[in-house]
Amino acid sequence: MIRVASVPSSHVYVQHLQPVRGHGAAFTPESVTLLPDPPPVRVDVPGQWWPPRLLDAQWLAEQTDVRFDVLHVHFGFESFGPEELARTVEHLRTHRQALVLTVHDLHNPHVADNTDHLRQLDVLVRGADAVITLTEGAAAWIHDRWGVRATVVEHPHVVPLERMKCARPRSDSFVIGVHAKNLRSNMDPLAVMDAVIEAARSLPDATVRLDIDEDVFESTSHWYSPTAGAKLWDYNMFPDVDVRVHRRFDDDALWDYLTEIDVSLLPYRFGTHSGWLEACRDLGTAVVASDCGFYADQAPVHSFRMGIDSFDAAGLVAAVRAAHDDRTPALDSDVRAQQRRTIAETHAAIYSAVTKEMR
């Protein structure tokens, strides 16, 4: 029995690293036990796991009832400085507990200045007993910077398997979706909107749907951005643009939204991988994504040039047209279930190898 403390445990990505019952994994589900997230010092929202106690070396030292064989870090380490993370790595070494790191983000999508994120990764990548990432491109980047060979394990499904089996609604139109969400730091929907409209007008059946989380317009919100919000709202004056402001989608509403649009445009100026992209694949929504990061390594997408200081409007128009001509079928839920089996087996093998090294 290998006890894994995951940071976090409750995240959908981590949950989907476990095998689907009934799909005959080569190991029993009991061979790996995923421990629940320890409650944080202060809980502000239901299900909150951050900032993660498991990365606090002092907290770990004080616990007598938190026992695990592997600490597997995915997200949440931005709350800890490099020195704090180094103490956590040393605590694990002293107690012969293995550290596994999955590098999801080589550039923190919430912060334009990536200096601190790389310093944190300097500690975690070098201190890990095994490193995992999602694409060959990211693995090459990791090897170039740290000299560490990462195991590439593809991203599992995001949408529940049962929801994937539901047919998409029939439509005679082609809806290009731009979801500004709460204007996270790496997103620049304002930069792309004119080109998106140009692309739509070049197609016989296309319209543009622009969604914005209402937090952008709420003065008490951390995401309050009235100037950018007003500029985005002004696109409502265009007859072929449908602007919608609403509460942040819960999962069910997000799945509905992704089946109401035909292509999702990801206007990222920096980033690495994307769970949103995987949800689109699950539901048969095409993806047009900037060429920063490794989105095109992660899955088939229509790419255009966009970075921190660059944007190719003509390339975006061409990518949208290509998405119109090459409709994307949803992935089969059975294929995704089989993929999960393989992913679970790979993780179990990694956990087994690193724990044997600790004995």
Protein backbone atom coordinates (compact mmCIF):
# COMPACT_ATOMS: atom_id res chain seq x y z
CA MET A 1 0.00 0.00 0.00
CA ILE A 2 1.49 3.36 -1.09
CA ARG A 3 0.03 6.40 0.67
CA VAL A 4 0.15 9.50 -1.53
CA ALA A 5 -0.35 12.99 -0.15
CA SER A 6 -1.15 15.09 -3.21
CA VAL A 7 -1.00 18.88 -3.38
CA PRO A 8 -3.87 19.12 -3.93
CA SER A 9 -5.93 15.93 -3.70
CA SER A 10 -9.39 17.27 -4.57
CA HIS A 11 -8.48 18.94 -7.89
CA VAL A 12 -10.21 17.31 -10.88
CA TYR A 13 -6.89 16.70 -12.60
CA VAL A 14 -5.60 14.74 -9.62
CA GLN A 15 -8.85 12.82 -9.23
CA HIS A 16 -8.60 11.76 -12.86
CA LEU A 17 -5.16 10.29 -12.30
CA GLN A 18 -6.97 7.46 -10.54
CA PRO A 19 -8.24 4.47 -12.54
CA VAL A 20 -11.87 4.24 -13.59
CA ARG A 21 -13.48 1.37 -11.75
CA GLY A 22 -14.45 -1.44 -14.08
CA HIS A 23 -11.73 -0.72 -16.66
CA GLY A 24 -9.35 -3.43 -15.46
CA ALA A 25 -6.24 -1.63 -14.37
CA ALA A 26 -3.23 -3.91 -14.05
CA PHE A 27 -2.97 -2.98 -10.37
CA THR A 28 -5.74 -2.84 -7.83
CA PRO A 29 -7.10 0.59 -6.84
CA GLU A 30 -6.06 -0.23 -3.28
CA SER A 31 -2.36 -0.34 -4.24
CA VAL A 32 -2.28 3.47 -4.16
CA THR A 33 -4.22 5.43 -1.56
CA LEU A 34 -4.78 9.13 -2.18
CA LEU A 35 -5.02 10.99 1.11
CA PRO A 36 -7.49 13.89 1.54
CA ASP A 37 -6.37 17.52 1.58
CA PRO A 38 -5.59 18.79 5.08
CA PRO A 39 -7.81 21.82 5.85
CA PRO A 40 -5.94 25.13 5.52
CA VAL A 41 -5.55 27.55 8.40
CA ARG A 42 -8.52 29.57 7.18
CA VAL A 43 -11.33 28.36 4.96
CA ASP A 44 -13.09 31.08 2.95
CA VAL A 45 -14.86 28.95 0.33
CA PRO A 46 -16.20 25.39 0.35
CA GLY A 47 -13.64 22.82 -0.71
CA GLN A 48 -10.69 25.17 -0.22
CA TRP A 49 -7.33 23.38 -0.03
CA TRP A 50 -4.97 26.35 -0.40
CA PRO A 51 -2.52 27.42 0.85
CA PRO A 52 -1.49 23.77 1.25
CA ARG A 53 -0.37 22.72 4.73
CA LEU A 54 1.59 19.83 3.21
CA LEU A 55 4.27 22.23 1.93
CA ASP A 56 4.83 23.77 5.37
CA ALA A 57 7.82 21.98 6.91
CA GLN A 58 7.01 23.21 10.41
CA TRP A 59 3.43 21.92 10.15
CA LEU A 60 4.68 18.58 8.85
CA ALA A 61 7.08 18.29 11.76
CA GLU A 62 4.27 18.88 14.26
CA GLN A 63 1.99 16.18 12.86
CA THR A 64 1.81 12.73 14.38
CA ASP A 65 -1.24 11.48 12.48
CA VAL A 66 -0.38 12.60 8.93
CA ARG A 67 1.57 9.70 7.46
CA PHE A 68 2.40 9.26 3.80
CA ASP A 69 4.99 7.63 1.59
CA VAL A 70 4.94 10.11 -1.31
CA LEU A 71 4.29 13.83 -1.45
CA HIS A 72 3.12 14.62 -4.99
CA VAL A 73 3.12 18.35 -5.78
CA HIS A 74 0.96 19.73 -8.58
CA PHE A 75 -0.25 23.23 -7.67
CA GLY A 76 -0.23 25.68 -4.78
CA PHE A 77 3.48 26.13 -4.15
CA GLU A 78 3.35 29.81 -5.11
CA SER A 79 2.38 30.43 -1.47
CA PHE A 80 5.88 29.39 -0.34
CA GLY A 81 9.22 31.01 -1.00
CA PRO A 82 12.23 29.00 -2.22
CA GLU A 83 13.73 28.86 1.29
CA GLU A 84 10.49 27.46 2.73
CA LEU A 85 10.28 24.87 -0.05
CA ALA A 86 13.91 23.89 0.59
CA ARG A 87 13.02 23.21 4.24
CA THR A 88 10.12 21.03 3.11
CA VAL A 89 12.38 19.05 0.77
CA GLU A 90 14.87 18.57 3.61
CA HIS A 91 12.07 17.42 5.96
CA LEU A 92 11.02 14.79 3.41
CA ARG A 93 14.60 13.59 3.00
CA THR A 94 15.05 13.28 6.77
CA HIS A 95 11.86 11.25 7.11
CA ARG A 96 12.53 9.14 3.99
CA GLN A 97 9.40 10.32 2.22
CA ALA A 98 9.57 10.64 -1.56
CA LEU A 99 8.84 13.82 -3.49
CA VAL A 100 7.17 13.64 -6.91
CA LEU A 101 6.57 16.84 -8.88
CA THR A 102 4.30 17.32 -11.87
CA VAL A 103 5.31 20.48 -13.72
CA HIS A 104 2.07 21.87 -15.07
CA ASP A 105 3.24 25.47 -15.44
CA LEU A 106 6.68 26.58 -16.53
CA HIS A 107 5.31 30.10 -16.50
CA ASN A 108 2.81 30.92 -13.75
CA PRO A 109 -0.30 32.00 -15.69
CA HIS A 110 -1.32 34.39 -12.92
CA VAL A 111 1.85 36.52 -12.97
CA ALA A 112 3.64 38.16 -15.89
CA ASP A 113 6.98 38.28 -14.06
CA ASN A 114 8.00 34.62 -13.88
CA THR A 115 11.12 35.12 -11.75
CA ASP A 116 9.72 33.86 -8.45
CA HIS A 117 7.99 30.88 -10.09
CA LEU A 118 11.25 29.71 -11.65
CA ARG A 119 13.09 30.10 -8.33
CA GLN A 120 10.46 27.89 -6.70
CA LEU A 121 10.79 25.34 -9.49
CA ASP A 122 14.57 25.45 -9.07
CA VAL A 123 14.07 23.97 -5.60
CA LEU A 124 11.29 21.52 -6.42
CA VAL A 125 12.66 20.12 -9.68
CA ARG A 126 16.13 19.57 -8.24
CA GLY A 127 14.72 18.19 -4.99
CA ALA A 128 12.22 15.78 -6.56
CA ASP A 129 12.77 12.05 -6.73
CA ALA A 130 10.70 11.97 -9.92
CA VAL A 131 9.48 14.72 -12.23
CA ILE A 132 6.45 14.44 -14.50
CA THR A 133 5.16 16.86 -17.10
CA LEU A 134 2.46 16.83 -19.77
CA THR A 135 4.26 17.36 -23.08
CA GLU A 136 7.52 16.55 -24.81
CA GLY A 137 8.15 20.26 -25.32
CA ALA A 138 7.91 20.96 -21.61
CA ALA A 139 10.13 17.95 -20.85
CA ALA A 140 12.80 19.32 -23.19
CA TRP A 141 12.56 22.74 -21.52
CA ILE A 142 12.97 21.12 -18.09
CA HIS A 143 16.02 19.17 -19.25
CA ASP A 144 17.60 22.26 -20.80
CA ARG A 145 17.24 24.30 -17.60
CA TRP A 146 17.75 21.72 -14.86
CA GLY A 147 19.33 18.71 -16.53
CA VAL A 148 16.46 16.58 -15.23
CA ARG A 149 14.61 14.06 -17.39
CA ALA A 150 10.87 14.31 -16.82
CA THR A 151 8.41 11.52 -17.57
CA VAL A 152 5.76 12.72 -20.01
CA VAL A 153 2.23 11.72 -19.02
CA GLU A 154 -0.59 13.14 -21.12
CA HIS A 155 -3.41 15.15 -19.58
CA PRO A 156 -6.47 13.09 -18.58
CA HIS A 157 -10.04 14.03 -19.41
CA VAL A 158 -11.60 16.95 -17.53
CA VAL A 159 -15.30 16.52 -18.28
CA PRO A 160 -16.96 13.59 -16.45
CA LEU A 161 -17.12 10.50 -18.64
CA GLU A 162 -20.91 10.28 -18.39
CA ARG A 163 -21.27 13.91 -19.51
CA MET A 164 -19.02 13.22 -22.48
CA LYS A 165 -21.56 10.70 -23.75
CA CYS A 166 -24.23 13.40 -24.19
CA ALA A 167 -24.68 14.54 -27.80
CA ARG A 168 -23.86 18.14 -28.69
CA PRO A 169 -26.89 20.27 -29.61
CA ARG A 170 -27.40 20.61 -33.36
CA SER A 171 -26.76 24.03 -34.86
CA ASP A 172 -26.51 25.58 -38.32
CA SER A 173 -24.28 28.43 -37.12
CA PHE A 174 -20.59 28.59 -36.25
CA VAL A 175 -20.05 30.28 -32.90
CA ILE A 176 -16.56 31.56 -32.07
CA GLY A 177 -16.22 31.76 -28.30
CA VAL A 178 -13.89 34.12 -26.47
CA HIS A 179 -14.21 33.72 -22.71
CA ALA A 180 -12.46 36.54 -20.90
CA LYS A 181 -13.19 34.88 -17.55
CA ASN A 182 -11.87 37.21 -14.84
CA LEU A 183 -9.10 38.66 -17.00
CA ARG A 184 -6.35 36.50 -15.53
CA SER A 185 -2.92 38.01 -16.07
CA ASN A 186 -1.97 35.87 -19.06
CA MET A 187 -5.21 36.59 -20.95
CA ASP A 188 -5.58 39.48 -23.40
CA PRO A 189 -9.03 39.22 -25.02
CA LEU A 190 -8.97 42.90 -26.01
CA ALA A 191 -5.98 42.27 -28.24
CA VAL A 192 -7.75 39.59 -30.28
CA MET A 193 -11.35 40.75 -30.53
CA ASP A 194 -11.03 42.83 -33.71
CA ALA A 195 -9.30 39.97 -35.51
CA VAL A 196 -11.91 37.50 -34.24
CA ILE A 197 -14.68 39.70 -35.65
CA GLU A 198 -12.82 39.97 -38.95
CA ALA A 199 -12.56 36.18 -39.08
CA ALA A 200 -16.26 35.76 -38.31
CA ARG A 201 -17.26 38.18 -41.05
CA SER A 202 -15.21 36.23 -43.58
CA LEU A 203 -17.26 33.10 -42.88
CA PRO A 204 -20.86 32.67 -44.09
CA ASP A 205 -22.40 31.35 -40.87
CA ALA A 206 -20.21 32.70 -38.05
CA THR A 207 -20.91 34.85 -35.00
CA VAL A 208 -18.79 35.80 -32.00
CA ARG A 209 -19.73 35.17 -28.38
CA LEU A 210 -17.76 37.05 -25.73
CA ASP A 211 -18.25 35.96 -22.11
CA ILE A 212 -17.01 37.90 -19.07
CA ASP A 213 -17.19 36.96 -15.41
CA GLU A 214 -19.15 39.53 -13.42
CA ASP A 215 -16.22 39.79 -10.96
CA VAL A 216 -14.58 42.09 -13.51
CA PHE A 217 -17.33 44.65 -12.85
CA GLU A 218 -17.70 44.13 -9.07
CA SER A 219 -15.81 46.79 -7.11
CA THR A 220 -15.30 44.53 -4.09
CA SER A 221 -13.79 41.73 -6.18
CA HIS A 222 -10.11 40.92 -6.38
CA TRP A 223 -10.63 40.77 -10.16
CA TYR A 224 -12.24 44.23 -10.48
CA SER A 225 -11.05 45.77 -13.74
CA PRO A 226 -13.55 48.42 -14.81
CA THR A 227 -11.54 49.94 -17.67
CA ALA A 228 -10.88 46.66 -19.46
CA GLY A 229 -14.39 45.47 -18.63
CA ALA A 230 -15.95 48.56 -20.20
CA LYS A 231 -13.88 48.15 -23.37
CA LEU A 232 -14.99 44.55 -23.68
CA TRP A 233 -18.64 45.45 -23.03
CA ASP A 234 -18.47 47.99 -25.87
CA TYR A 235 -18.26 45.07 -28.33
CA ASN A 236 -21.95 44.57 -27.61
CA MET A 237 -22.52 47.39 -30.11
CA PHE A 238 -21.47 45.07 -32.93
CA PRO A 239 -24.49 43.23 -34.37
CA ASP A 240 -22.54 39.99 -34.83
CA VAL A 241 -21.09 39.92 -31.30
CA ASP A 242 -23.01 38.53 -28.34
CA VAL A 243 -21.51 39.84 -25.08
CA ARG A 244 -22.60 38.09 -21.89
CA VAL A 245 -21.68 39.02 -18.32
CA HIS A 246 -22.49 36.43 -15.67
CA ARG A 247 -21.33 34.68 -12.55
CA ARG A 248 -18.39 32.36 -12.95
CA PHE A 249 -19.63 29.12 -14.48
CA ASP A 250 -19.84 26.08 -12.26
CA ASP A 251 -18.80 22.83 -13.92
CA ASP A 252 -22.20 21.98 -15.40
CA ALA A 253 -22.65 25.47 -16.79
CA LEU A 254 -19.14 25.34 -18.28
CA TRP A 255 -19.86 22.05 -20.04
CA ASP A 256 -23.07 23.56 -21.45
CA TYR A 257 -21.19 26.66 -22.60
CA LEU A 258 -18.54 24.62 -24.41
CA THR A 259 -21.23 22.77 -26.35
CA GLU A 260 -22.91 26.06 -27.30
CA ILE A 261 -19.79 27.33 -29.07
CA ASP A 262 -17.96 25.64 -31.96
CA VAL A 263 -14.49 26.96 -31.30
CA SER A 264 -12.90 28.31 -28.14
CA LEU A 265 -10.20 30.93 -28.65
CA LEU A 266 -7.50 31.04 -25.98
CA PRO A 267 -5.92 34.53 -26.00
CA TYR A 268 -2.92 33.69 -23.82
CA ARG A 269 0.21 35.81 -23.88
CA PHE A 270 2.07 33.32 -21.68
CA GLY A 271 1.39 29.91 -20.19
CA THR A 272 2.32 26.25 -20.58
CA HIS A 273 -0.55 23.74 -20.58
CA SER A 274 -4.35 24.01 -20.36
CA GLY A 275 -7.12 22.07 -18.67
CA TRP A 276 -9.64 24.20 -20.58
CA LEU A 277 -8.18 22.83 -23.81
CA GLU A 278 -8.79 19.27 -22.57
CA ALA A 279 -12.41 20.06 -21.65
CA CYS A 280 -12.91 21.31 -25.20
CA ARG A 281 -11.53 18.04 -26.57
CA ASP A 282 -13.88 16.09 -24.32
CA LEU A 283 -16.90 17.89 -25.75
CA GLY A 284 -15.97 18.32 -29.41
CA THR A 285 -15.17 22.04 -29.30
CA ALA A 286 -12.31 23.13 -31.55
CA VAL A 287 -9.49 25.15 -30.01
CA VAL A 288 -7.65 28.13 -31.44
CA ALA A 289 -4.69 28.86 -29.17
CA SER A 290 -1.72 31.17 -29.11
CA ASP A 291 1.65 29.55 -29.74
CA CYS A 292 3.12 30.45 -26.36
CA GLY A 293 3.69 27.47 -24.11
CA PHE A 294 3.06 23.94 -25.33
CA TYR A 295 -0.65 23.86 -26.19
CA ALA A 296 0.03 22.46 -29.66
CA ASP A 297 2.17 19.72 -28.08
CA GLN A 298 -0.61 18.91 -25.66
CA ALA A 299 -3.31 18.29 -28.28
CA PRO A 300 -4.31 19.20 -31.85
CA VAL A 301 -5.09 22.93 -31.93
CA HIS A 302 -5.15 25.71 -34.52
CA SER A 303 -2.30 28.00 -33.54
CA PHE A 304 -1.51 31.66 -34.08
CA ARG A 305 1.44 33.74 -32.96
CA MET A 306 0.93 35.56 -29.67
CA GLY A 307 3.34 36.22 -26.82
CA ILE A 308 4.05 38.81 -24.16
CA ASP A 309 5.07 41.37 -26.79
CA SER A 310 3.69 39.90 -30.02
CA PHE A 311 0.42 39.21 -31.81
CA ASP A 312 -0.24 38.12 -35.38
CA ALA A 313 -3.78 39.18 -36.29
CA ALA A 314 -3.65 37.64 -39.76
CA GLY A 315 -2.48 34.36 -38.25
CA LEU A 316 -5.44 34.40 -35.88
CA VAL A 317 -7.88 34.96 -38.74
CA ALA A 318 -6.33 32.04 -40.63
CA ALA A 319 -6.51 29.80 -37.54
CA VAL A 320 -10.21 30.54 -37.02
CA ARG A 321 -10.93 29.82 -40.68
CA ALA A 322 -9.05 26.53 -40.39
CA ALA A 323 -11.12 25.60 -37.33
CA HIS A 324 -14.28 26.33 -39.33
CA ASP A 325 -13.17 24.03 -42.15
CA ASP A 326 -11.95 21.23 -39.86
CA ARG A 327 -14.67 20.51 -37.31
CA THR A 328 -13.49 18.67 -34.20
CA PRO A 329 -15.31 15.52 -33.04
CA ALA A 330 -15.57 14.88 -29.33
CA LEU A 331 -13.22 12.28 -27.92
CA ASP A 332 -14.82 8.94 -27.14
CA SER A 333 -15.44 8.44 -23.42
CA ASP A 334 -14.16 4.86 -23.61
CA VAL A 335 -10.91 6.13 -25.10
CA ARG A 336 -10.59 8.58 -22.24
CA ALA A 337 -11.31 5.85 -19.70
CA GLN A 338 -8.60 3.66 -21.23
CA GLN A 339 -6.24 6.63 -21.17
CA ARG A 340 -6.96 7.03 -17.46
CA ARG A 341 -6.06 3.41 -16.89
CA THR A 342 -2.69 3.95 -18.55
CA ILE A 343 -2.10 7.19 -16.65
CA ALA A 344 -2.95 5.53 -13.33
CA GLU A 345 -0.61 2.63 -14.05
CA THR A 346 2.21 5.02 -14.95
CA HIS A 347 1.77 6.96 -11.72
CA ALA A 348 1.61 3.78 -9.65
CA ALA A 349 4.88 2.62 -11.22
CA ILE A 350 6.55 5.95 -10.44
CA TYR A 351 5.32 5.87 -6.84
CA SER A 352 6.56 2.30 -6.45
CA ALA A 353 10.00 3.16 -7.84
CA VAL A 354 10.57 6.23 -5.66
CA THR A 355 9.39 4.53 -2.48
CA LYS A 356 11.73 1.59 -3.09
CA GLU A 357 14.60 4.05 -3.36
CA MET A 358 13.72 5.38 0.10
CA ARG A 359 13.95 1.99 1.81
